[in-house]
Amino acid sequence: MKNLVLLLLLFASVLRVDAGNKIVISKQDCQLFVLTSCSDTLYIFPCAVGSNRGDKQKSGDHKTPEGTFTIASIEKASHRTHDFRDGHGPRAGAYGPWFIRLRQKFYSIGIHGTCFPESIGTRSTEGCIRLRNEDLLRVVSTVQVGDPVEIQPD
């Protein structure tokens, strides 16, 4: 078992070093794909996207931006909170363990985990792409700053 874990960690590190891994998000299907530079599929995960359809036009419109972006940073997020304006105040762990910030005109858009796993597969975010925390860990292990992220239109 220990050898299997070491082998998996080695495989994940090779995938991370292999420049060109790409994330593709299908807003229509609420799915996130991680692809290699040869377009082989590494992972397919359900995700949550913006509650409103269409391309993001302004902050607060609850739309997920469309187009091709790059990863600007991968930030630890387990300490962050967010007030969903649901009467419960700021929630700990709102973004899961990581926040993958996208380089685009809306600074706070990214791919992150959740404290609401039941929302995955739905249109329920303020514009970000939300994953189950365990799926986010897999994504973070296979991408790096500068990798492309394509968000397909509705």
N, C-alpha and C. Protein backbone atom coordinates (compact mmCIF):
# COMPACT_ATOMS: atom_id res chain seq x y z
N MET A 1 0.83 -1.19 0.00
CA MET A 1 0.00 0.00 0.00
C MET A 1 0.87 1.26 0.00
N LYS A 2 1.93 1.24 0.82
CA LYS A 2 2.81 2.39 0.89
C LYS A 2 3.46 2.66 -0.47
N ASN A 3 3.86 1.60 -1.16
CA ASN A 3 4.46 1.77 -2.49
C ASN A 3 3.46 2.34 -3.49
N LEU A 4 2.20 1.93 -3.38
CA LEU A 4 1.17 2.45 -4.27
C LEU A 4 0.98 3.95 -4.05
N VAL A 5 0.95 4.38 -2.80
CA VAL A 5 0.81 5.80 -2.49
C VAL A 5 1.99 6.59 -3.05
N LEU A 6 3.20 6.08 -2.87
CA LEU A 6 4.38 6.76 -3.41
C LEU A 6 4.33 6.84 -4.93
N LEU A 7 3.88 5.77 -5.56
CA LEU A 7 3.75 5.76 -7.01
C LEU A 7 2.74 6.80 -7.48
N LEU A 8 1.60 6.89 -6.80
CA LEU A 8 0.58 7.88 -7.15
C LEU A 8 1.10 9.30 -6.97
N LEU A 9 1.83 9.54 -5.90
CA LEU A 9 2.40 10.87 -5.67
C LEU A 9 3.42 11.22 -6.75
N LEU A 10 4.23 10.25 -7.14
CA LEU A 10 5.20 10.48 -8.21
C LEU A 10 4.48 10.78 -9.52
N PHE A 11 3.43 10.02 -9.83
CA PHE A 11 2.66 10.23 -11.05
C PHE A 11 2.04 11.63 -11.05
N ALA A 12 1.48 12.05 -9.92
CA ALA A 12 0.87 13.38 -9.83
C ALA A 12 1.92 14.47 -10.03
N SER A 13 3.12 14.28 -9.48
CA SER A 13 4.15 15.30 -9.65
C SER A 13 4.61 15.37 -11.09
N VAL A 14 4.65 14.26 -11.80
CA VAL A 14 5.02 14.26 -13.22
C VAL A 14 3.96 15.02 -14.02
N LEU A 15 2.68 14.81 -13.71
CA LEU A 15 1.62 15.51 -14.42
C LEU A 15 1.70 17.00 -14.17
N ARG A 16 2.07 17.39 -12.97
CA ARG A 16 2.15 18.81 -12.64
C ARG A 16 3.31 19.48 -13.39
N VAL A 17 4.43 18.80 -13.53
CA VAL A 17 5.58 19.36 -14.21
C VAL A 17 5.34 19.42 -15.72
N ASP A 18 4.55 18.51 -16.24
CA ASP A 18 4.26 18.46 -17.67
C ASP A 18 3.45 19.69 -18.05
N ALA A 19 4.17 20.71 -18.54
CA ALA A 19 3.50 21.96 -18.91
C ALA A 19 2.41 21.69 -19.93
N GLY A 20 1.36 22.44 -19.83
CA GLY A 20 0.32 22.34 -20.82
C GLY A 20 -0.95 21.67 -20.36
N ASN A 21 -1.04 21.21 -19.12
CA ASN A 21 -2.33 20.71 -18.67
C ASN A 21 -3.32 21.86 -18.75
N LYS A 22 -4.54 21.52 -19.06
CA LYS A 22 -5.57 22.54 -19.32
C LYS A 22 -6.84 22.17 -18.59
N ILE A 23 -7.54 23.18 -18.10
CA ILE A 23 -8.85 22.99 -17.51
C ILE A 23 -9.88 23.50 -18.51
N VAL A 24 -10.92 22.70 -18.72
CA VAL A 24 -12.05 23.11 -19.57
C VAL A 24 -13.30 22.99 -18.72
N ILE A 25 -14.11 24.05 -18.69
CA ILE A 25 -15.35 24.04 -17.92
C ILE A 25 -16.52 24.16 -18.88
N SER A 26 -17.43 23.21 -18.80
CA SER A 26 -18.68 23.27 -19.55
C SER A 26 -19.74 23.83 -18.62
N LYS A 27 -20.11 25.09 -18.84
CA LYS A 27 -21.17 25.70 -18.02
C LYS A 27 -22.49 24.99 -18.26
N GLN A 28 -22.74 24.61 -19.49
CA GLN A 28 -24.01 23.96 -19.85
C GLN A 28 -24.19 22.64 -19.09
N ASP A 29 -23.10 21.87 -18.98
CA ASP A 29 -23.18 20.56 -18.34
C ASP A 29 -22.73 20.56 -16.88
N CYS A 30 -22.28 21.72 -16.38
CA CYS A 30 -21.74 21.81 -15.01
C CYS A 30 -20.67 20.74 -14.78
N GLN A 31 -19.68 20.74 -15.68
CA GLN A 31 -18.57 19.79 -15.57
C GLN A 31 -17.25 20.50 -15.80
N LEU A 32 -16.23 20.03 -15.08
CA LEU A 32 -14.87 20.52 -15.22
C LEU A 32 -14.01 19.36 -15.69
N PHE A 33 -13.22 19.59 -16.73
CA PHE A 33 -12.31 18.59 -17.29
C PHE A 33 -10.88 19.06 -17.08
N VAL A 34 -9.99 18.15 -16.70
CA VAL A 34 -8.57 18.43 -16.70
C VAL A 34 -7.98 17.60 -17.83
N LEU A 35 -7.33 18.29 -18.78
CA LEU A 35 -6.77 17.65 -19.97
C LEU A 35 -5.26 17.79 -19.98
N THR A 36 -4.58 16.79 -20.57
CA THR A 36 -3.13 16.88 -20.76
C THR A 36 -2.84 17.73 -21.99
N SER A 37 -1.56 17.97 -22.23
CA SER A 37 -1.16 18.73 -23.42
C SER A 37 -1.52 17.99 -24.71
N CYS A 38 -1.75 16.69 -24.62
CA CYS A 38 -2.16 15.89 -25.79
C CYS A 38 -3.68 15.76 -25.86
N SER A 39 -4.39 16.51 -25.04
CA SER A 39 -5.86 16.50 -24.95
C SER A 39 -6.44 15.20 -24.40
N ASP A 40 -5.61 14.41 -23.71
CA ASP A 40 -6.14 13.24 -23.01
C ASP A 40 -6.82 13.72 -21.74
N THR A 41 -7.93 13.10 -21.38
CA THR A 41 -8.67 13.49 -20.18
C THR A 41 -8.07 12.84 -18.95
N LEU A 42 -7.63 13.67 -18.01
CA LEU A 42 -7.14 13.17 -16.72
C LEU A 42 -8.29 13.00 -15.74
N TYR A 43 -9.16 14.01 -15.67
CA TYR A 43 -10.27 14.00 -14.71
C TYR A 43 -11.48 14.68 -15.33
N ILE A 44 -12.64 14.23 -14.90
CA ILE A 44 -13.91 14.92 -15.16
C ILE A 44 -14.62 15.01 -13.82
N PHE A 45 -14.98 16.23 -13.42
CA PHE A 45 -15.65 16.44 -12.14
C PHE A 45 -16.91 17.27 -12.35
N PRO A 46 -17.97 16.98 -11.59
CA PRO A 46 -19.11 17.89 -11.60
C PRO A 46 -18.72 19.17 -10.89
N CYS A 47 -19.33 20.27 -11.29
CA CYS A 47 -19.02 21.56 -10.65
C CYS A 47 -20.29 22.39 -10.59
N ALA A 48 -20.22 23.46 -9.83
CA ALA A 48 -21.30 24.46 -9.80
C ALA A 48 -20.78 25.70 -10.50
N VAL A 49 -21.65 26.38 -11.21
CA VAL A 49 -21.29 27.61 -11.93
C VAL A 49 -22.27 28.72 -11.55
N GLY A 50 -22.08 29.90 -12.14
CA GLY A 50 -22.91 31.05 -11.82
C GLY A 50 -24.39 30.78 -11.94
N SER A 51 -25.15 31.34 -11.03
CA SER A 51 -26.60 31.10 -11.01
C SER A 51 -27.32 31.72 -12.20
N ASN A 52 -26.72 32.73 -12.83
CA ASN A 52 -27.31 33.34 -14.02
C ASN A 52 -26.54 32.92 -15.27
N ARG A 53 -27.26 32.74 -16.35
CA ARG A 53 -26.64 32.34 -17.63
C ARG A 53 -26.00 33.54 -18.32
N GLY A 54 -25.08 33.23 -19.26
CA GLY A 54 -24.44 34.27 -20.05
C GLY A 54 -23.05 34.59 -19.55
N ASP A 55 -22.38 35.47 -20.29
CA ASP A 55 -21.02 35.88 -19.97
C ASP A 55 -21.03 36.98 -18.92
N LYS A 56 -20.12 36.89 -17.98
CA LYS A 56 -20.03 37.89 -16.91
C LYS A 56 -19.80 39.27 -17.50
N GLN A 57 -20.61 40.24 -17.07
CA GLN A 57 -20.51 41.62 -17.54
C GLN A 57 -20.02 42.56 -16.46
N LYS A 58 -20.36 42.24 -15.19
CA LYS A 58 -19.97 43.11 -14.09
C LYS A 58 -19.99 42.32 -12.79
N SER A 59 -19.28 42.81 -11.81
CA SER A 59 -19.28 42.18 -10.50
C SER A 59 -20.70 42.17 -9.95
N GLY A 60 -21.07 41.07 -9.34
CA GLY A 60 -22.39 40.96 -8.74
C GLY A 60 -23.48 40.45 -9.65
N ASP A 61 -23.16 40.14 -10.92
CA ASP A 61 -24.22 39.67 -11.82
C ASP A 61 -24.46 38.16 -11.74
N HIS A 62 -23.68 37.46 -10.93
CA HIS A 62 -23.83 36.02 -10.69
C HIS A 62 -23.69 35.20 -11.97
N LYS A 63 -22.84 35.68 -12.89
CA LYS A 63 -22.54 34.95 -14.13
C LYS A 63 -21.08 34.52 -14.09
N THR A 64 -20.81 33.35 -14.67
CA THR A 64 -19.45 32.86 -14.80
C THR A 64 -18.88 33.38 -16.11
N PRO A 65 -17.69 33.98 -16.09
CA PRO A 65 -17.12 34.51 -17.33
C PRO A 65 -16.87 33.40 -18.35
N GLU A 66 -16.89 33.76 -19.62
CA GLU A 66 -16.66 32.82 -20.70
C GLU A 66 -15.41 33.22 -21.46
N GLY A 67 -14.68 32.24 -21.97
CA GLY A 67 -13.48 32.53 -22.74
C GLY A 67 -12.31 31.70 -22.26
N THR A 68 -11.13 32.07 -22.72
CA THR A 68 -9.91 31.38 -22.32
C THR A 68 -9.08 32.31 -21.46
N PHE A 69 -8.70 31.81 -20.30
CA PHE A 69 -7.95 32.56 -19.29
C PHE A 69 -6.73 31.74 -18.90
N THR A 70 -5.91 32.26 -18.03
CA THR A 70 -4.81 31.49 -17.46
C THR A 70 -4.92 31.52 -15.94
N ILE A 71 -4.27 30.56 -15.32
CA ILE A 71 -4.23 30.52 -13.86
C ILE A 71 -3.25 31.59 -13.38
N ALA A 72 -3.74 32.54 -12.60
CA ALA A 72 -2.91 33.63 -12.08
C ALA A 72 -2.20 33.22 -10.80
N SER A 73 -2.89 32.44 -9.95
CA SER A 73 -2.30 31.99 -8.69
C SER A 73 -3.11 30.83 -8.14
N ILE A 74 -2.46 30.06 -7.28
CA ILE A 74 -3.13 28.98 -6.56
C ILE A 74 -2.89 29.27 -5.09
N GLU A 75 -3.96 29.64 -4.38
CA GLU A 75 -3.84 30.18 -3.03
C GLU A 75 -4.52 29.27 -2.01
N LYS A 76 -3.87 29.11 -0.86
CA LYS A 76 -4.53 28.39 0.24
C LYS A 76 -5.76 29.19 0.65
N ALA A 77 -6.86 28.49 0.86
CA ALA A 77 -8.11 29.20 1.15
C ALA A 77 -8.85 28.66 2.37
N SER A 78 -8.29 27.69 3.06
CA SER A 78 -9.03 27.07 4.17
C SER A 78 -9.36 28.06 5.29
N HIS A 79 -8.63 29.15 5.37
CA HIS A 79 -8.86 30.15 6.41
C HIS A 79 -9.90 31.20 6.01
N ARG A 80 -10.31 31.22 4.76
CA ARG A 80 -11.21 32.26 4.26
C ARG A 80 -12.66 31.97 4.63
N THR A 81 -13.40 33.06 4.78
CA THR A 81 -14.83 32.96 5.06
C THR A 81 -15.58 33.73 3.97
N HIS A 82 -16.89 33.47 3.91
CA HIS A 82 -17.73 34.22 2.95
C HIS A 82 -19.14 34.30 3.53
N ASP A 83 -19.75 35.46 3.40
CA ASP A 83 -21.13 35.65 3.82
C ASP A 83 -22.01 35.48 2.58
N PHE A 84 -22.79 34.42 2.55
CA PHE A 84 -23.66 34.12 1.42
C PHE A 84 -24.99 34.88 1.49
N ARG A 85 -25.12 35.74 2.47
CA ARG A 85 -26.33 36.56 2.65
C ARG A 85 -27.58 35.69 2.81
N ASP A 86 -27.38 34.59 3.55
CA ASP A 86 -28.49 33.67 3.79
C ASP A 86 -28.97 33.72 5.24
N GLY A 87 -28.50 34.74 5.97
CA GLY A 87 -28.90 34.90 7.36
C GLY A 87 -28.01 34.17 8.35
N HIS A 88 -27.02 33.42 7.87
CA HIS A 88 -26.13 32.66 8.76
C HIS A 88 -24.78 33.34 8.97
N GLY A 89 -24.57 34.49 8.34
CA GLY A 89 -23.31 35.22 8.50
C GLY A 89 -22.17 34.55 7.76
N PRO A 90 -20.95 35.02 8.02
CA PRO A 90 -19.78 34.45 7.33
C PRO A 90 -19.59 32.97 7.70
N ARG A 91 -19.31 32.17 6.68
CA ARG A 91 -19.11 30.73 6.88
C ARG A 91 -17.64 30.38 6.72
N ALA A 92 -17.13 29.64 7.70
CA ALA A 92 -15.76 29.14 7.62
C ALA A 92 -15.69 28.05 6.55
N GLY A 93 -14.57 27.98 5.86
CA GLY A 93 -14.39 26.94 4.86
C GLY A 93 -15.19 27.14 3.59
N ALA A 94 -15.67 28.35 3.37
CA ALA A 94 -16.55 28.62 2.22
C ALA A 94 -15.89 28.29 0.89
N TYR A 95 -14.56 28.44 0.80
CA TYR A 95 -13.85 28.23 -0.45
C TYR A 95 -13.08 26.91 -0.49
N GLY A 96 -13.26 26.07 0.52
CA GLY A 96 -12.52 24.82 0.57
C GLY A 96 -11.04 25.08 0.81
N PRO A 97 -10.19 24.09 0.48
CA PRO A 97 -8.76 24.22 0.81
C PRO A 97 -7.95 25.11 -0.12
N TRP A 98 -8.41 25.35 -1.35
CA TRP A 98 -7.63 26.11 -2.34
C TRP A 98 -8.53 27.04 -3.15
N PHE A 99 -7.93 28.12 -3.64
CA PHE A 99 -8.59 29.03 -4.57
C PHE A 99 -7.66 29.19 -5.77
N ILE A 100 -8.10 28.73 -6.94
CA ILE A 100 -7.34 28.87 -8.18
C ILE A 100 -7.83 30.15 -8.85
N ARG A 101 -7.06 31.21 -8.72
CA ARG A 101 -7.46 32.52 -9.24
C ARG A 101 -7.19 32.58 -10.73
N LEU A 102 -8.18 33.05 -11.49
CA LEU A 102 -8.04 33.18 -12.94
C LEU A 102 -7.61 34.60 -13.30
N ARG A 103 -6.75 34.70 -14.27
CA ARG A 103 -6.30 36.01 -14.76
C ARG A 103 -7.34 36.50 -15.76
N GLN A 104 -8.15 37.46 -15.33
CA GLN A 104 -9.19 38.07 -16.15
C GLN A 104 -9.65 39.34 -15.45
N LYS A 105 -10.56 40.08 -16.05
CA LYS A 105 -10.86 41.42 -15.52
C LYS A 105 -11.63 41.43 -14.21
N PHE A 106 -12.23 40.33 -13.83
CA PHE A 106 -12.94 40.26 -12.54
C PHE A 106 -12.03 39.56 -11.55
N TYR A 107 -11.33 40.31 -10.74
CA TYR A 107 -10.26 39.82 -9.87
C TYR A 107 -10.65 38.61 -9.03
N SER A 108 -11.86 38.57 -8.54
CA SER A 108 -12.21 37.55 -7.56
C SER A 108 -12.83 36.28 -8.15
N ILE A 109 -12.68 36.05 -9.45
CA ILE A 109 -13.24 34.83 -10.05
C ILE A 109 -12.20 33.73 -10.05
N GLY A 110 -12.62 32.53 -9.66
CA GLY A 110 -11.70 31.41 -9.65
C GLY A 110 -12.42 30.09 -9.52
N ILE A 111 -11.62 29.07 -9.32
CA ILE A 111 -12.09 27.71 -9.10
C ILE A 111 -11.75 27.39 -7.65
N HIS A 112 -12.73 26.94 -6.89
CA HIS A 112 -12.48 26.68 -5.47
C HIS A 112 -13.38 25.57 -4.96
N GLY A 113 -13.14 25.18 -3.71
CA GLY A 113 -13.95 24.17 -3.05
C GLY A 113 -15.20 24.79 -2.45
N THR A 114 -15.78 24.08 -1.50
CA THR A 114 -17.07 24.53 -0.97
C THR A 114 -17.36 24.00 0.43
N CYS A 115 -18.24 24.70 1.12
CA CYS A 115 -18.82 24.19 2.36
C CYS A 115 -20.24 23.69 2.08
N PHE A 116 -20.65 23.74 0.80
CA PHE A 116 -21.97 23.28 0.37
C PHE A 116 -21.83 22.21 -0.71
N PRO A 117 -21.37 21.00 -0.37
CA PRO A 117 -21.17 19.98 -1.41
C PRO A 117 -22.44 19.62 -2.17
N GLU A 118 -23.59 19.85 -1.56
CA GLU A 118 -24.86 19.55 -2.24
C GLU A 118 -25.13 20.49 -3.41
N SER A 119 -24.38 21.59 -3.49
CA SER A 119 -24.58 22.55 -4.59
C SER A 119 -23.86 22.13 -5.87
N ILE A 120 -22.98 21.16 -5.79
CA ILE A 120 -22.20 20.74 -6.96
C ILE A 120 -23.14 20.15 -8.01
N GLY A 121 -22.92 20.57 -9.26
CA GLY A 121 -23.78 20.12 -10.36
C GLY A 121 -24.94 21.07 -10.62
N THR A 122 -24.93 22.22 -9.94
CA THR A 122 -26.05 23.17 -10.09
C THR A 122 -25.52 24.54 -10.52
N ARG A 123 -26.45 25.42 -10.85
CA ARG A 123 -26.15 26.83 -11.11
C ARG A 123 -26.46 27.58 -9.82
N SER A 124 -25.43 27.78 -9.01
CA SER A 124 -25.71 28.35 -7.69
C SER A 124 -24.62 29.28 -7.17
N THR A 125 -23.62 29.61 -7.99
CA THR A 125 -22.53 30.44 -7.48
C THR A 125 -22.72 31.91 -7.86
N GLU A 126 -21.88 32.74 -7.30
CA GLU A 126 -21.88 34.16 -7.62
C GLU A 126 -21.03 34.45 -8.87
N GLY A 127 -20.50 33.38 -9.49
CA GLY A 127 -19.70 33.52 -10.70
C GLY A 127 -18.49 32.60 -10.74
N CYS A 128 -18.04 32.15 -9.59
CA CYS A 128 -16.90 31.24 -9.55
C CYS A 128 -17.31 29.84 -9.99
N ILE A 129 -16.33 28.98 -10.13
CA ILE A 129 -16.55 27.56 -10.41
C ILE A 129 -16.26 26.84 -9.10
N ARG A 130 -17.24 26.10 -8.62
CA ARG A 130 -17.16 25.44 -7.31
C ARG A 130 -17.05 23.93 -7.51
N LEU A 131 -16.11 23.31 -6.79
CA LEU A 131 -15.90 21.86 -6.82
C LEU A 131 -16.03 21.26 -5.43
N ARG A 132 -16.27 19.95 -5.38
CA ARG A 132 -16.15 19.25 -4.09
C ARG A 132 -14.69 19.38 -3.66
N ASN A 133 -14.46 19.50 -2.38
CA ASN A 133 -13.11 19.73 -1.87
C ASN A 133 -12.14 18.64 -2.29
N GLU A 134 -12.58 17.38 -2.26
CA GLU A 134 -11.68 16.29 -2.64
C GLU A 134 -11.34 16.33 -4.13
N ASP A 135 -12.26 16.81 -4.96
CA ASP A 135 -11.99 16.96 -6.39
C ASP A 135 -11.02 18.12 -6.62
N LEU A 136 -11.19 19.19 -5.87
CA LEU A 136 -10.29 20.34 -5.98
C LEU A 136 -8.85 19.93 -5.68
N LEU A 137 -8.65 19.08 -4.69
CA LEU A 137 -7.30 18.62 -4.36
C LEU A 137 -6.65 17.92 -5.55
N ARG A 138 -7.42 17.15 -6.28
CA ARG A 138 -6.89 16.48 -7.48
C ARG A 138 -6.54 17.49 -8.56
N VAL A 139 -7.41 18.48 -8.75
CA VAL A 139 -7.14 19.50 -9.77
C VAL A 139 -5.86 20.26 -9.42
N VAL A 140 -5.73 20.69 -8.19
CA VAL A 140 -4.56 21.47 -7.76
C VAL A 140 -3.27 20.66 -7.96
N SER A 141 -3.34 19.34 -7.83
CA SER A 141 -2.13 18.52 -7.98
C SER A 141 -1.71 18.37 -9.43
N THR A 142 -2.53 18.82 -10.39
CA THR A 142 -2.21 18.59 -11.80
C THR A 142 -2.09 19.87 -12.63
N VAL A 143 -2.29 21.03 -12.02
CA VAL A 143 -2.17 22.29 -12.76
C VAL A 143 -1.18 23.21 -12.06
N GLN A 144 -0.76 24.25 -12.78
CA GLN A 144 0.16 25.22 -12.20
C GLN A 144 -0.15 26.60 -12.76
N VAL A 145 0.42 27.61 -12.14
CA VAL A 145 0.24 28.98 -12.59
C VAL A 145 0.66 29.07 -14.06
N GLY A 146 -0.17 29.74 -14.85
CA GLY A 146 0.09 29.89 -16.28
C GLY A 146 -0.67 28.91 -17.16
N ASP A 147 -1.17 27.81 -16.57
CA ASP A 147 -1.94 26.85 -17.36
C ASP A 147 -3.24 27.49 -17.84
N PRO A 148 -3.71 27.10 -19.03
CA PRO A 148 -4.94 27.69 -19.56
C PRO A 148 -6.21 27.11 -18.93
N VAL A 149 -7.23 27.95 -18.87
CA VAL A 149 -8.56 27.56 -18.41
C VAL A 149 -9.55 28.08 -19.43
N GLU A 150 -10.28 27.15 -20.05
CA GLU A 150 -11.30 27.52 -21.04
C GLU A 150 -12.67 27.33 -20.41
N ILE A 151 -13.45 28.40 -20.40
CA ILE A 151 -14.82 28.32 -19.89
C ILE A 151 -15.76 28.49 -21.08
N GLN A 152 -16.46 27.40 -21.39
CA GLN A 152 -17.33 27.36 -22.56
C GLN A 152 -18.66 28.04 -22.27
N PRO A 153 -19.23 28.69 -23.29
CA PRO A 153 -20.52 29.38 -23.12
C PRO A 153 -21.65 28.42 -22.77
N ASP A 154 -22.74 28.99 -22.24
CA ASP A 154 -23.93 28.20 -21.88
C ASP A 154 -24.52 27.54 -23.10
